Amino acid sequence: DMFGDHIWIYWYSENDPSEKDLRRFSRVAEKFQKKFYVRKMLNRGEDPNAKLIWSSEGAEKRWIAHENGVKFECRSDTGLSPGLFLDQRENRRWVRENSKEKCVLNLFSYTGGFSVNAALGGAKEVSTVDVSANFMEWSKRNFEVNGFTVAKDGEPAPEKPKLSYKSLMSEEPQAPHYEFWIQDSILFLKGTAKRKRKFDLIICDPPSFGRSRTGTFSISKNYEDLLVHCFYCLGKGGMLMFCTNYEKWTKAELIKNVSRLKSQFNFTILDSPGFCLDFELPDEEPLMKSIILRKN
């Protein structure tokens, strides 16, 4: 993957890259006038002393990359990825184009890529939810590099503007409101439903499997419960973008599974913007599958 002036190589072999491998990567990077990182993926923390990352001389630990005019801070020292999953590129563009004057909720938000695009697209509210404090700090940083002011850790978040007759009748636009919640996404949805808060657009891109303080999450076992809670928090006419990289589902199986909820909710399944040709060709089954559901 290419992120700005750095190439990020995912290394899946059990053996470390050899000196010959690194020289090859160096020649490729030099051809594109880039620096490179090689990130080993199979160790998964089994050996805390094992080397997991290699880089070319001068590679930066943090740098800025651009996608469709949006800036993202990339990091080589936080997690398995530099902070952005490129196969969601067209979905992020779609969110930016469909967020104007909407209340947007981004669940399992990672580094806030969807949230930043919603804010740049003119959303009046953006709520970013992830269980990781590190990723939430990273999300705030991505807002900042795109020109937004957000509360620092330890500072109170700005209050949501209170509506009054005067503000409703005023032609002046209300200031947008951005929230950052370090919380389990399903717990957030349950609390939101109790408060009867509704969103116009929800982005839900859960992991195939995950652990938190409240237990484990499996997309194959828990997707119905997750979607039910999303629908409870979605306003009429609102849209839900649901994405998954679960390898055992095809796009058709995803649609079939989601369709089971039609006995409980009235919604229309819309197609997503589509995958990127630099990941899969049109006749290939995409790993990243996404659909858009509109609540009727």
Foldseek 3Di string as FASTA:
>chain_A
DDFAQEAEAEAADPDDDDPVNVVVVVVVSVVVNHKYKYAYDPCVCVDVPDDGMDIDPPDDQWDWGDAPRAIAIFGPPDDRGRFDDCQCRQVLQVLLCPQAQWAEEEALQQQPSSQLSNVNSHHQEYEYEEQDPVSLQNNCVSNVVRPDDFDDPPDDTDDDDDDDPVNVPDPDDDHGGYHYYNDHRLVVLVVLLVVQAATQEYEAEDACWDADPVGIDHCVPCVVVVVVSNVSRHDAQGKYKYKYLPQVDFLVRVVVVVCVCCVPFPKDKAAGPDTDVVQPDPVDTGSMHIIMITGD
